[in-house]
């Protein structure tokens, strides 16, 4: 993160934690992965903030800083946006969160009464498909507060609660597990025994890509539904290897 993105993220984290401490609110579990843990491969995390509500509802937020003068998102990355479009197509509920004012109520020298709610109202939420570039259509995006309250009010079946509960902690909601939860047909998931589900999750956490061997093992458990993981068949290239390849290419003589 650069600029004030980390400041925006800290405000969101603090506001969500305090807001969820109210009576009758769901249990919130938050995990902010390190930047080196983030990415689009199977074992990475696809967002800045990974969270769960009552072990059954997943929240994934990519935090951006909105420049109130230029009306643009700082550090908006087109390549990253394409990755999020792919995750959204797979049913993974990743979304952008960005401030609409600066500073946020959380960051005031004297925090106003009710600052958690005010802070969440001063942040917008957008799906990747509704944010085609660095200039957001702010009026078309709900506040993070409205979006959060809608998500926490959604019903989750007892069976799907069992599936979500098999993942022990938000820190285990890596991309492979997220695609399993949100892309595999619900009937297939509910037909799995606890042992089969645990094995599938363990396999997805064992590699950064879907090798032929891993693909075959998952197909034995998930059948044709394992096809939703096909986008991960390409072995990821490390940044250092990519830089070296670029350097080698640049050093070639025509």
C-alpha atoms as a PDB file:
ATOM      1  CA  UNK A   1       0.000   0.000   0.000  1.00  0.00           C
ATOM      2  CA  UNK A   2       1.096   3.539  -0.636  1.00  0.00           C
ATOM      3  CA  UNK A   3      -0.146   7.036   0.171  1.00  0.00           C
ATOM      4  CA  UNK A   4      -3.028   6.890   2.640  1.00  0.00           C
ATOM      5  CA  UNK A   5      -4.464   3.521   1.615  1.00  0.00           C
ATOM      6  CA  UNK A   6      -3.239   1.939   4.819  1.00  0.00           C
ATOM      7  CA  UNK A   7      -4.857   4.792   6.790  1.00  0.00           C
ATOM      8  CA  UNK A   8      -8.180   4.143   5.036  1.00  0.00           C
ATOM      9  CA  UNK A   9      -7.830   0.425   5.734  1.00  0.00           C
ATOM     10  CA  UNK A  10      -7.130   0.986   9.425  1.00  0.00           C
ATOM     11  CA  UNK A  11     -10.198   3.212   9.696  1.00  0.00           C
ATOM     12  CA  UNK A  12     -12.386   0.548   8.057  1.00  0.00           C
ATOM     13  CA  UNK A  13     -11.009  -2.197  10.307  1.00  0.00           C
ATOM     14  CA  UNK A  14     -11.529  -0.152  13.478  1.00  0.00           C
ATOM     15  CA  UNK A  15     -15.033   0.938  12.456  1.00  0.00           C
ATOM     16  CA  UNK A  16     -16.167  -2.604  11.564  1.00  0.00           C
ATOM     17  CA  UNK A  17     -14.779  -4.058  14.774  1.00  0.00           C
ATOM     18  CA  UNK A  18     -16.488  -1.520  17.027  1.00  0.00           C
ATOM     19  CA  UNK A  19     -19.722  -1.530  14.995  1.00  0.00           C
ATOM     20  CA  UNK A  20     -19.982  -5.313  15.362  1.00  0.00           C
ATOM     21  CA  UNK A  21     -19.529  -5.140  19.134  1.00  0.00           C
ATOM     22  CA  UNK A  22     -23.093  -3.851  19.468  1.00  0.00           C
ATOM     23  CA  UNK A  23     -25.698  -6.232  20.925  1.00  0.00           C
ATOM     24  CA  UNK A  24     -27.301  -8.448  18.316  1.00  0.00           C
ATOM     25  CA  UNK A  25     -24.515  -8.025  15.770  1.00  0.00           C
ATOM     26  CA  UNK A  26     -22.747 -11.016  14.215  1.00  0.00           C
ATOM     27  CA  UNK A  27     -19.320 -12.143  15.332  1.00  0.00           C
ATOM     28  CA  UNK A  28     -16.747 -10.499  13.068  1.00  0.00           C
ATOM     29  CA  UNK A  29     -13.416 -12.112  12.298  1.00  0.00           C
ATOM     30  CA  UNK A  30     -10.926  -9.949  10.370  1.00  0.00           C
ATOM     31  CA  UNK A  31      -7.659 -10.887   8.714  1.00  0.00           C
ATOM     32  CA  UNK A  32      -5.534  -8.362   6.783  1.00  0.00           C
ATOM     33  CA  UNK A  33      -2.954 -10.369   4.807  1.00  0.00           C
ATOM     34  CA  UNK A  34       0.484  -8.926   4.172  1.00  0.00           C
ATOM     35  CA  UNK A  35       1.136  -7.553   0.692  1.00  0.00           C
ATOM     36  CA  UNK A  36       3.428 -10.506  -0.100  1.00  0.00           C
ATOM     37  CA  UNK A  37       0.531 -12.850   0.700  1.00  0.00           C
ATOM     38  CA  UNK A  38      -1.807 -11.179  -1.796  1.00  0.00           C
ATOM     39  CA  UNK A  39      -2.289 -12.199  -5.412  1.00  0.00           C
ATOM     40  CA  UNK A  40      -4.401 -14.265  -7.769  1.00  0.00           C
ATOM     41  CA  UNK A  41      -2.880 -17.750  -7.369  1.00  0.00           C
ATOM     42  CA  UNK A  42      -4.486 -20.610  -5.433  1.00  0.00           C
ATOM     43  CA  UNK A  43      -2.616 -20.081  -2.162  1.00  0.00           C
ATOM     44  CA  UNK A  44      -2.713 -16.259  -2.168  1.00  0.00           C
ATOM     45  CA  UNK A  45      -5.355 -13.907  -0.777  1.00  0.00           C
ATOM     46  CA  UNK A  46      -7.277 -11.815  -3.309  1.00  0.00           C
ATOM     47  CA  UNK A  47      -8.013  -8.775  -1.129  1.00  0.00           C
ATOM     48  CA  UNK A  48      -6.618  -6.366   1.460  1.00  0.00           C
ATOM     49  CA  UNK A  49      -9.193  -7.402   4.055  1.00  0.00           C
ATOM     50  CA  UNK A  50     -10.510 -10.928   4.548  1.00  0.00           C
ATOM     51  CA  UNK A  51     -13.389 -11.287   6.988  1.00  0.00           C
ATOM     52  CA  UNK A  52     -16.146 -13.630   8.104  1.00  0.00           C
ATOM     53  CA  UNK A  53     -19.419 -13.055   9.876  1.00  0.00           C
ATOM     54  CA  UNK A  54     -20.483 -15.852  12.226  1.00  0.00           C
ATOM     55  CA  UNK A  55     -18.220 -18.301  10.358  1.00  0.00           C
ATOM     56  CA  UNK A  56     -20.591 -18.314   7.401  1.00  0.00           C
ATOM     57  CA  UNK A  57     -20.497 -15.070   5.403  1.00  0.00           C
ATOM     58  CA  UNK A  58     -17.363 -13.955   3.616  1.00  0.00           C
ATOM     59  CA  UNK A  59     -16.305 -10.326   3.204  1.00  0.00           C
ATOM     60  CA  UNK A  60     -13.461  -9.438   0.824  1.00  0.00           C
ATOM     61  CA  UNK A  61     -12.417  -5.805   0.474  1.00  0.00           C
ATOM     62  CA  UNK A  62      -9.782  -4.266  -1.768  1.00  0.00           C
ATOM     63  CA  UNK A  63      -9.116  -0.861  -0.203  1.00  0.00           C
ATOM     64  CA  UNK A  64      -8.356   2.192  -2.343  1.00  0.00           C
ATOM     65  CA  UNK A  65      -7.716   5.805  -1.465  1.00  0.00           C
ATOM     66  CA  UNK A  66      -9.989   8.288  -3.227  1.00  0.00           C
ATOM     67  CA  UNK A  67      -8.433  11.673  -4.035  1.00  0.00           C
ATOM     68  CA  UNK A  68     -11.195  14.157  -3.259  1.00  0.00           C
ATOM     69  CA  UNK A  69      -9.517  16.836  -5.412  1.00  0.00           C
ATOM     70  CA  UNK A  70      -8.959  14.869  -8.625  1.00  0.00           C
ATOM     71  CA  UNK A  71     -12.007  12.605  -8.029  1.00  0.00           C
ATOM     72  CA  UNK A  72      -9.930   9.546  -8.863  1.00  0.00           C
ATOM     73  CA  UNK A  73      -8.739   6.449  -7.055  1.00  0.00           C
ATOM     74  CA  UNK A  74      -5.054   6.473  -6.333  1.00  0.00           C
ATOM     75  CA  UNK A  75      -3.173   3.297  -7.198  1.00  0.00           C
ATOM     76  CA  UNK A  76      -6.000   1.883  -9.309  1.00  0.00           C
ATOM     77  CA  UNK A  77      -4.408  -1.002 -11.220  1.00  0.00           C
ATOM     78  CA  UNK A  78      -5.951  -2.188 -14.466  1.00  0.00           C
ATOM     79  CA  UNK A  79      -4.285  -5.610 -14.287  1.00  0.00           C
ATOM     80  CA  UNK A  80      -5.536  -6.160 -10.759  1.00  0.00           C
ATOM     81  CA  UNK A  81      -9.025  -5.073 -11.841  1.00  0.00           C
ATOM     82  CA  UNK A  82      -9.033  -7.780 -14.524  1.00  0.00           C
ATOM     83  CA  UNK A  83      -8.199 -10.332 -11.818  1.00  0.00           C
ATOM     84  CA  UNK A  84     -11.138  -9.121  -9.732  1.00  0.00           C
ATOM     85  CA  UNK A  85     -13.482  -9.344 -12.693  1.00  0.00           C
ATOM     86  CA  UNK A  86     -12.443 -12.977 -13.032  1.00  0.00           C
ATOM     87  CA  UNK A  87     -13.064 -13.641  -9.342  1.00  0.00           C
ATOM     88  CA  UNK A  88     -16.438 -11.901  -9.523  1.00  0.00           C
ATOM     89  CA  UNK A  89     -17.404 -14.082 -12.491  1.00  0.00           C
ATOM     90  CA  UNK A  90     -16.529 -17.123 -10.379  1.00  0.00           C
ATOM     91  CA  UNK A  91     -18.905 -15.903  -7.667  1.00  0.00           C
ATOM     92  CA  UNK A  92     -16.188 -14.832  -5.228  1.00  0.00           C
ATOM     93  CA  UNK A  93     -17.611 -11.766  -3.396  1.00  0.00           C
ATOM     94  CA  UNK A  94     -14.618  -9.455  -3.724  1.00  0.00           C
ATOM     95  CA  UNK A  95     -15.318  -5.727  -3.842  1.00  0.00           C
ATOM     96  CA  UNK A  96     -13.627  -2.347  -3.672  1.00  0.00           C
ATOM     97  CA  UNK A  97     -13.884  -0.057  -0.649  1.00  0.00           C
ATOM     98  CA  UNK A  98     -12.866   3.590  -0.967  1.00  0.00           C
ATOM     99  CA  UNK A  99     -13.229   6.748   1.100  1.00  0.00           C
ATOM    100  CA  UNK A 100     -15.545   9.488  -0.177  1.00  0.00           C
ATOM    101  CA  UNK A 101     -14.300  12.199   2.205  1.00  0.00           C
ATOM    102  CA  UNK A 102     -10.957  13.019   3.747  1.00  0.00           C
ATOM    103  CA  UNK A 103     -10.168  12.700   6.533  1.00  0.00           C
ATOM    104  CA  UNK A 104     -12.524   9.961   7.621  1.00  0.00           C
ATOM    105  CA  UNK A 105     -14.350  10.459  10.951  1.00  0.00           C
ATOM    106  CA  UNK A 106     -12.075   7.846  12.536  1.00  0.00           C
ATOM    107  CA  UNK A 107      -9.052  10.029  11.718  1.00  0.00           C
ATOM    108  CA  UNK A 108     -10.370  13.273  13.212  1.00  0.00           C
ATOM    109  CA  UNK A 109      -8.347  14.674  16.097  1.00  0.00           C
ATOM    110  CA  UNK A 110     -11.541  14.522  18.122  1.00  0.00           C
ATOM    111  CA  UNK A 111     -13.562  11.565  16.926  1.00  0.00           C
ATOM    112  CA  UNK A 112     -17.256  12.442  16.730  1.00  0.00           C
ATOM    113  CA  UNK A 113     -19.867  10.515  18.650  1.00  0.00           C
ATOM    114  CA  UNK A 114     -20.890   7.473  16.654  1.00  0.00           C
ATOM    115  CA  UNK A 115     -17.664   7.527  14.634  1.00  0.00           C
ATOM    116  CA  UNK A 116     -17.834   3.806  13.651  1.00  0.00           C
ATOM    117  CA  UNK A 117     -21.164   4.271  11.855  1.00  0.00           C
ATOM    118  CA  UNK A 118     -20.083   7.646  10.440  1.00  0.00           C
ATOM    119  CA  UNK A 119     -16.841   6.143   9.136  1.00  0.00           C
ATOM    120  CA  UNK A 120     -18.636   3.273   7.394  1.00  0.00           C
ATOM    121  CA  UNK A 121     -21.038   5.812   5.869  1.00  0.00           C
ATOM    122  CA  UNK A 122     -18.037   7.760   4.529  1.00  0.00           C
ATOM    123  CA  UNK A 123     -16.728   4.743   2.618  1.00  0.00           C
ATOM    124  CA  UNK A 124     -18.286   3.344  -0.558  1.00  0.00           C
ATOM    125  CA  UNK A 125     -18.415  -0.233  -1.777  1.00  0.00           C
ATOM    126  CA  UNK A 126     -18.319  -1.334  -5.396  1.00  0.00           C
ATOM    127  CA  UNK A 127     -18.261  -4.611  -7.248  1.00  0.00           C
ATOM    128  CA  UNK A 128     -15.496  -4.817  -9.873  1.00  0.00           C
ATOM    129  CA  UNK A 129     -18.027  -4.747 -12.722  1.00  0.00           C
ATOM    130  CA  UNK A 130     -19.398  -1.454 -11.400  1.00  0.00           C
ATOM    131  CA  UNK A 131     -15.970   0.163 -11.210  1.00  0.00           C
ATOM    132  CA  UNK A 132     -14.559   0.159 -14.764  1.00  0.00           C
ATOM    133  CA  UNK A 133     -11.799   2.662 -14.061  1.00  0.00           C
ATOM    134  CA  UNK A 134     -10.125   4.945 -11.562  1.00  0.00           C
ATOM    135  CA  UNK A 135     -12.984   7.510 -11.653  1.00  0.00           C
ATOM    136  CA  UNK A 136     -15.827   5.888  -9.686  1.00  0.00           C
ATOM    137  CA  UNK A 137     -19.483   6.692 -10.294  1.00  0.00           C
ATOM    138  CA  UNK A 138     -19.908   7.400  -6.614  1.00  0.00           C
ATOM    139  CA  UNK A 139     -23.667   7.911  -6.660  1.00  0.00           C
ATOM    140  CA  UNK A 140     -24.116   4.376  -8.026  1.00  0.00           C
ATOM    141  CA  UNK A 141     -22.208   2.732  -5.183  1.00  0.00           C
ATOM    142  CA  UNK A 142     -23.709   1.989  -1.762  1.00  0.00           C
ATOM    143  CA  UNK A 143     -21.966   3.045   1.395  1.00  0.00           C
ATOM    144  CA  UNK A 144     -19.967   0.346   3.110  1.00  0.00           C
ATOM    145  CA  UNK A 145     -22.456   0.545   5.982  1.00  0.00           C
ATOM    146  CA  UNK A 146     -25.474  -0.144   3.742  1.00  0.00           C
ATOM    147  CA  UNK A 147     -23.657  -2.920   1.905  1.00  0.00           C
ATOM    148  CA  UNK A 148     -22.470  -4.532   5.150  1.00  0.00           C
ATOM    149  CA  UNK A 149     -25.937  -4.467   6.706  1.00  0.00           C
ATOM    150  CA  UNK A 150     -27.401  -6.085   3.600  1.00  0.00           C
ATOM    151  CA  UNK A 151     -24.783  -8.852   3.631  1.00  0.00           C
ATOM    152  CA  UNK A 152     -25.204  -9.605   7.333  1.00  0.00           C
ATOM    153  CA  UNK A 153     -28.961  -9.885   6.835  1.00  0.00           C
ATOM    154  CA  UNK A 154     -28.709 -12.558   4.152  1.00  0.00           C
ATOM    155  CA  UNK A 155     -29.765 -16.061   5.151  1.00  0.00           C
ATOM    156  CA  UNK A 156     -27.311 -18.954   5.016  1.00  0.00           C
ATOM    157  CA  UNK A 157     -28.624 -22.519   5.021  1.00  0.00           C
ATOM    158  CA  UNK A 158     -27.556 -24.846   7.807  1.00  0.00           C
ATOM    159  CA  UNK A 159     -25.854 -27.084   5.263  1.00  0.00           C
ATOM    160  CA  UNK A 160     -23.807 -24.250   3.756  1.00  0.00           C
ATOM    161  CA  UNK A 161     -22.988 -23.086   7.266  1.00  0.00           C
ATOM    162  CA  UNK A 162     -21.409 -26.498   7.813  1.00  0.00           C
ATOM    163  CA  UNK A 163     -19.348 -26.085   4.648  1.00  0.00           C
ATOM    164  CA  UNK A 164     -18.135 -22.618   5.636  1.00  0.00           C
ATOM    165  CA  UNK A 165     -17.443 -23.808   9.171  1.00  0.00           C
ATOM    166  CA  UNK A 166     -14.999 -26.401   7.854  1.00  0.00           C
ATOM    167  CA  UNK A 167     -12.595 -23.546   7.148  1.00  0.00           C
ATOM    168  CA  UNK A 168     -10.964 -22.771  10.473  1.00  0.00           C
ATOM    169  CA  UNK A 169     -10.431 -19.024  10.501  1.00  0.00           C
ATOM    170  CA  UNK A 170     -10.512 -16.146   8.050  1.00  0.00           C
ATOM    171  CA  UNK A 171      -6.758 -16.573   7.640  1.00  0.00           C
ATOM    172  CA  UNK A 172      -7.492 -19.799   5.749  1.00  0.00           C
ATOM    173  CA  UNK A 173      -9.775 -18.146   3.183  1.00  0.00           C
ATOM    174  CA  UNK A 174      -7.235 -18.324   0.391  1.00  0.00           C
ATOM    175  CA  UNK A 175      -8.272 -18.079  -3.243  1.00  0.00           C
ATOM    176  CA  UNK A 176      -8.598 -21.825  -3.749  1.00  0.00           C
ATOM    177  CA  UNK A 177     -10.926 -22.168  -0.767  1.00  0.00           C
ATOM    178  CA  UNK A 178     -12.934 -19.121  -1.882  1.00  0.00           C
ATOM    179  CA  UNK A 179     -13.519 -20.557  -5.345  1.00  0.00           C
ATOM    180  CA  UNK A 180     -14.515 -23.888  -3.796  1.00  0.00           C
ATOM    181  CA  UNK A 181     -17.070 -22.162  -1.541  1.00  0.00           C
ATOM    182  CA  UNK A 182     -18.580 -19.840  -4.138  1.00  0.00           C
ATOM    183  CA  UNK A 183     -18.149 -21.551  -7.531  1.00  0.00           C
ATOM    184  CA  UNK A 184     -18.742 -25.254  -6.961  1.00  0.00           C
ATOM    185  CA  UNK A 185     -22.408 -26.197  -7.195  1.00  0.00           C
ATOM    186  CA  UNK A 186     -24.067 -26.101  -3.779  1.00  0.00           C
ATOM    187  CA  UNK A 187     -25.524 -29.597  -4.211  1.00  0.00           C
ATOM    188  CA  UNK A 188     -22.040 -30.968  -4.867  1.00  0.00           C
ATOM    189  CA  UNK A 189     -20.629 -29.247  -1.792  1.00  0.00           C
ATOM    190  CA  UNK A 190     -23.415 -30.509   0.446  1.00  0.00           C
ATOM    191  CA  UNK A 191     -22.904 -34.072  -0.820  1.00  0.00           C
ATOM    192  CA  UNK A 192     -19.313 -34.120   0.420  1.00  0.00           C
ATOM    193  CA  UNK A 193     -18.478 -35.857   3.668  1.00  0.00           C
ATOM    194  CA  UNK A 194     -16.489 -33.947   6.267  1.00  0.00           C
ATOM    195  CA  UNK A 195     -13.439 -36.005   5.303  1.00  0.00           C
ATOM    196  CA  UNK A 196     -13.834 -35.250   1.585  1.00  0.00           C
ATOM    197  CA  UNK A 197     -14.286 -31.537   2.246  1.00  0.00           C
ATOM    198  CA  UNK A 198     -11.225 -31.433   4.488  1.00  0.00           C
ATOM    199  CA  UNK A 199      -9.172 -33.245   1.855  1.00  0.00           C
ATOM    200  CA  UNK A 200     -10.289 -30.873  -0.914  1.00  0.00           C
ATOM    201  CA  UNK A 201      -9.369 -27.843   1.199  1.00  0.00           C
ATOM    202  CA  UNK A 202      -6.015 -29.362   2.075  1.00  0.00           C
ATOM    203  CA  UNK A 203      -5.266 -30.042  -1.582  1.00  0.00           C
ATOM    204  CA  UNK A 204      -6.204 -26.486  -2.571  1.00  0.00           C
ATOM    205  CA  UNK A 205      -3.851 -25.147   0.070  1.00  0.00           C
ATOM    206  CA  UNK A 206      -0.960 -27.322  -1.035  1.00  0.00           C
ATOM    207  CA  UNK A 207      -0.029 -25.587  -4.290  1.00  0.00           C
ATOM    208  CA  UNK A 208       0.006 -22.171  -5.919  1.00  0.00           C
ATOM    209  CA  UNK A 209      -1.412 -23.546  -9.179  1.00  0.00           C
ATOM    210  CA  UNK A 210      -3.593 -26.339 -10.514  1.00  0.00           C
ATOM    211  CA  UNK A 211      -1.042 -28.864 -11.730  1.00  0.00           C
ATOM    212  CA  UNK A 212      -2.273 -31.905 -13.686  1.00  0.00           C
ATOM    213  CA  UNK A 213      -1.687 -34.074 -10.602  1.00  0.00           C
ATOM    214  CA  UNK A 214      -3.651 -31.727  -8.336  1.00  0.00           C
ATOM    215  CA  UNK A 215      -6.414 -31.427 -10.922  1.00  0.00           C
ATOM    216  CA  UNK A 216      -6.790 -35.203 -11.047  1.00  0.00           C
ATOM    217  CA  UNK A 217      -6.984 -35.505  -7.251  1.00  0.00           C
ATOM    218  CA  UNK A 218      -9.631 -32.795  -7.005  1.00  0.00           C
ATOM    219  CA  UNK A 219     -11.705 -34.376  -9.776  1.00  0.00           C
ATOM    220  CA  UNK A 220     -11.871 -37.569  -7.728  1.00  0.00           C
ATOM    221  CA  UNK A 221     -13.587 -35.559  -4.985  1.00  0.00           C
ATOM    222  CA  UNK A 222     -15.531 -32.899  -6.873  1.00  0.00           C
ATOM    223  CA  UNK A 223     -16.117 -34.587 -10.214  1.00  0.00           C
ATOM    224  CA  UNK A 224     -16.816 -32.248 -13.134  1.00  0.00           C
ATOM    225  CA  UNK A 225     -17.280 -29.353 -10.700  1.00  0.00           C
ATOM    226  CA  UNK A 226     -13.487 -29.182 -10.336  1.00  0.00           C
ATOM    227  CA  UNK A 227     -13.570 -27.456 -13.726  1.00  0.00           C
ATOM    228  CA  UNK A 228     -14.324 -24.117 -12.004  1.00  0.00           C
ATOM    229  CA  UNK A 229     -10.660 -24.079 -11.002  1.00  0.00           C
ATOM    230  CA  UNK A 230      -9.414 -24.207 -14.594  1.00  0.00           C
ATOM    231  CA  UNK A 231      -8.216 -20.590 -14.496  1.00  0.00           C
ATOM    232  CA  UNK A 232      -5.498 -21.662 -12.064  1.00  0.00           C
ATOM    233  CA  UNK A 233      -3.854 -24.153 -14.443  1.00  0.00           C
ATOM    234  CA  UNK A 234      -1.134 -21.691 -15.402  1.00  0.00           C
ATOM    235  CA  UNK A 235       1.890 -21.839 -13.129  1.00  0.00           C
ATOM    236  CA  UNK A 236       2.382 -18.384 -11.553  1.00  0.00           C
ATOM    237  CA  UNK A 237       5.605 -16.528 -12.310  1.00  0.00           C
ATOM    238  CA  UNK A 238       7.343 -14.875  -9.363  1.00  0.00           C
ATOM    239  CA  UNK A 239       8.052 -11.157  -9.579  1.00  0.00           C
ATOM    240  CA  UNK A 240      11.796 -11.777  -9.406  1.00  0.00           C
ATOM    241  CA  UNK A 241      11.595 -14.271 -12.274  1.00  0.00           C
ATOM    242  CA  UNK A 242       9.478 -11.854 -14.295  1.00  0.00           C
ATOM    243  CA  UNK A 243      12.000  -9.066 -13.704  1.00  0.00           C
ATOM    244  CA  UNK A 244      14.869 -11.355 -14.706  1.00  0.00           C
ATOM    245  CA  UNK A 245      13.044 -12.410 -17.860  1.00  0.00           C
ATOM    246  CA  UNK A 246      12.456  -8.770 -18.744  1.00  0.00           C
ATOM    247  CA  UNK A 247      16.123  -7.948 -18.127  1.00  0.00           C
ATOM    248  CA  UNK A 248      17.303 -10.874 -20.215  1.00  0.00           C
ATOM    249  CA  UNK A 249      14.982  -9.847 -23.041  1.00  0.00           C
ATOM    250  CA  UNK A 250      16.248  -6.278 -22.874  1.00  0.00           C
ATOM    251  CA  UNK A 251      19.867  -7.439 -23.038  1.00  0.00           C
ATOM    252  CA  UNK A 252      19.397  -9.434 -26.226  1.00  0.00           C
ATOM    253  CA  UNK A 253      21.076  -8.017 -29.272  1.00  0.00           C
ATOM    254  CA  UNK A 254      19.036  -7.800 -32.468  1.00  0.00           C
END
